Amino acid sequence: MDKDMDRRIARLEEALAHQTRATDELSEVIARQDAEIASLSRRVALLLRSAAQTELDQGGTIPLADQRPPHW
């Protein structure tokens, strides 16, 4: 192979290495965000149940979690 071909292959390998690293980093970010979304979803569900129970305890008729938002 000539030197131009060697340099081109080296540049391609370097670009591939950078893309592989970026893909791995993005994958880690997605995994962290997925775990955080799951945690936040559980917390929101708990808060809605707690608010519904409080509303029910105060004599409300429809639990807050079951009410439609005002824009519906």
C-alpha atoms as a PDB file:
ATOM      1  CA  MET A   1       0.000   0.000   0.000  1.00  0.00           C
ATOM      2  CA  ASP A   2       1.110   3.509  -0.548  1.00  0.00           C
ATOM      3  CA  LYS A   3       1.464   6.164   2.111  1.00  0.00           C
ATOM      4  CA  ASP A   4      -1.725   7.984   1.081  1.00  0.00           C
ATOM      5  CA  MET A   5      -3.733   4.813   1.552  1.00  0.00           C
ATOM      6  CA  ASP A   6      -2.092   4.224   4.947  1.00  0.00           C
ATOM      7  CA  ARG A   7      -2.946   7.772   6.070  1.00  0.00           C
ATOM      8  CA  ARG A   8      -6.502   7.407   4.840  1.00  0.00           C
ATOM      9  CA  ILE A   9      -6.939   4.126   6.718  1.00  0.00           C
ATOM     10  CA  ALA A  10      -5.457   5.703   9.851  1.00  0.00           C
ATOM     11  CA  ARG A  11      -7.913   8.636   9.618  1.00  0.00           C
ATOM     12  CA  LEU A  12     -10.821   6.251   9.139  1.00  0.00           C
ATOM     13  CA  GLU A  13      -9.751   4.148  12.117  1.00  0.00           C
ATOM     14  CA  GLU A  14      -9.431   7.282  14.241  1.00  0.00           C
ATOM     15  CA  ALA A  15     -12.876   8.484  13.164  1.00  0.00           C
ATOM     16  CA  LEU A  16     -14.336   5.062  13.931  1.00  0.00           C
ATOM     17  CA  ALA A  17     -12.736   5.078  17.393  1.00  0.00           C
ATOM     18  CA  HIS A  18     -14.227   8.517  18.131  1.00  0.00           C
ATOM     19  CA  GLN A  19     -17.660   7.418  16.942  1.00  0.00           C
ATOM     20  CA  THR A  20     -17.468   4.234  18.991  1.00  0.00           C
ATOM     21  CA  ARG A  21     -16.591   6.247  22.113  1.00  0.00           C
ATOM     22  CA  ALA A  22     -19.409   8.726  21.437  1.00  0.00           C
ATOM     23  CA  THR A  23     -21.885   5.877  20.947  1.00  0.00           C
ATOM     24  CA  ASP A  24     -20.793   4.262  24.214  1.00  0.00           C
ATOM     25  CA  GLU A  25     -21.122   7.566  26.085  1.00  0.00           C
ATOM     26  CA  LEU A  26     -24.582   8.194  24.641  1.00  0.00           C
ATOM     27  CA  SER A  27     -25.636   4.683  25.569  1.00  0.00           C
ATOM     28  CA  GLU A  28     -24.592   5.330  29.174  1.00  0.00           C
ATOM     29  CA  VAL A  29     -26.543   8.604  29.207  1.00  0.00           C
ATOM     30  CA  ILE A  30     -29.639   6.850  27.888  1.00  0.00           C
ATOM     31  CA  ALA A  31     -29.351   4.115  30.525  1.00  0.00           C
ATOM     32  CA  ARG A  32     -29.047   6.718  33.313  1.00  0.00           C
ATOM     33  CA  GLN A  33     -31.983   8.716  31.967  1.00  0.00           C
ATOM     34  CA  ASP A  34     -34.109   5.574  31.679  1.00  0.00           C
ATOM     35  CA  ALA A  35     -33.436   4.741  35.324  1.00  0.00           C
ATOM     36  CA  GLU A  36     -34.169   8.331  36.366  1.00  0.00           C
ATOM     37  CA  ILE A  37     -37.437   8.413  34.402  1.00  0.00           C
ATOM     38  CA  ALA A  38     -38.531   5.128  35.996  1.00  0.00           C
ATOM     39  CA  SER A  39     -37.717   6.497  39.452  1.00  0.00           C
ATOM     40  CA  LEU A  40     -39.552   9.761  38.803  1.00  0.00           C
ATOM     41  CA  SER A  41     -42.553   7.900  37.417  1.00  0.00           C
ATOM     42  CA  ARG A  42     -42.769   5.828  40.610  1.00  0.00           C
ATOM     43  CA  ARG A  43     -42.490   8.978  42.732  1.00  0.00           C
ATOM     44  CA  VAL A  44     -45.220  10.750  40.757  1.00  0.00           C
ATOM     45  CA  ALA A  45     -47.497   7.718  41.132  1.00  0.00           C
ATOM     46  CA  LEU A  46     -46.886   7.728  44.891  1.00  0.00           C
ATOM     47  CA  LEU A  47     -47.590  11.460  45.099  1.00  0.00           C
ATOM     48  CA  LEU A  48     -50.817  11.060  43.118  1.00  0.00           C
ATOM     49  CA  ARG A  49     -51.977   8.235  45.390  1.00  0.00           C
ATOM     50  CA  SER A  50     -51.093  10.274  48.459  1.00  0.00           C
ATOM     51  CA  ALA A  51     -52.910  13.349  47.138  1.00  0.00           C
ATOM     52  CA  ALA A  52     -55.940  11.229  46.213  1.00  0.00           C
ATOM     53  CA  GLN A  53     -56.021   9.716  49.691  1.00  0.00           C
ATOM     54  CA  THR A  54     -55.745  13.170  51.275  1.00  0.00           C
ATOM     55  CA  GLU A  55     -58.586  14.424  49.080  1.00  0.00           C
ATOM     56  CA  LEU A  56     -60.707  11.416  49.998  1.00  0.00           C
ATOM     57  CA  ASP A  57     -59.938  11.851  53.708  1.00  0.00           C
ATOM     58  CA  GLN A  58     -61.102  15.461  53.485  1.00  0.00           C
ATOM     59  CA  GLY A  59     -64.452  14.394  52.066  1.00  0.00           C
ATOM     60  CA  GLY A  60     -63.768  14.909  48.369  1.00  0.00           C
ATOM     61  CA  THR A  61     -65.889  12.930  45.967  1.00  0.00           C
ATOM     62  CA  ILE A  62     -63.474  12.184  43.118  1.00  0.00           C
ATOM     63  CA  PRO A  63     -59.884  11.345  44.001  1.00  0.00           C
ATOM     64  CA  LEU A  64     -57.453  13.890  42.598  1.00  0.00           C
ATOM     65  CA  ALA A  65     -55.598  11.227  40.611  1.00  0.00           C
ATOM     66  CA  ASP A  66     -58.823  10.335  38.785  1.00  0.00           C
ATOM     67  CA  GLN A  67     -59.885  13.886  37.936  1.00  0.00           C
ATOM     68  CA  ARG A  68     -59.429  15.185  34.425  1.00  0.00           C
ATOM     69  CA  PRO A  69     -57.142  18.188  34.067  1.00  0.00           C
ATOM     70  CA  PRO A  70     -59.001  21.483  33.538  1.00  0.00           C
ATOM     71  CA  HIS A  71     -57.898  21.748  29.903  1.00  0.00           C
ATOM     72  CA  TRP A  72     -59.797  18.546  28.894  1.00  0.00           C
END
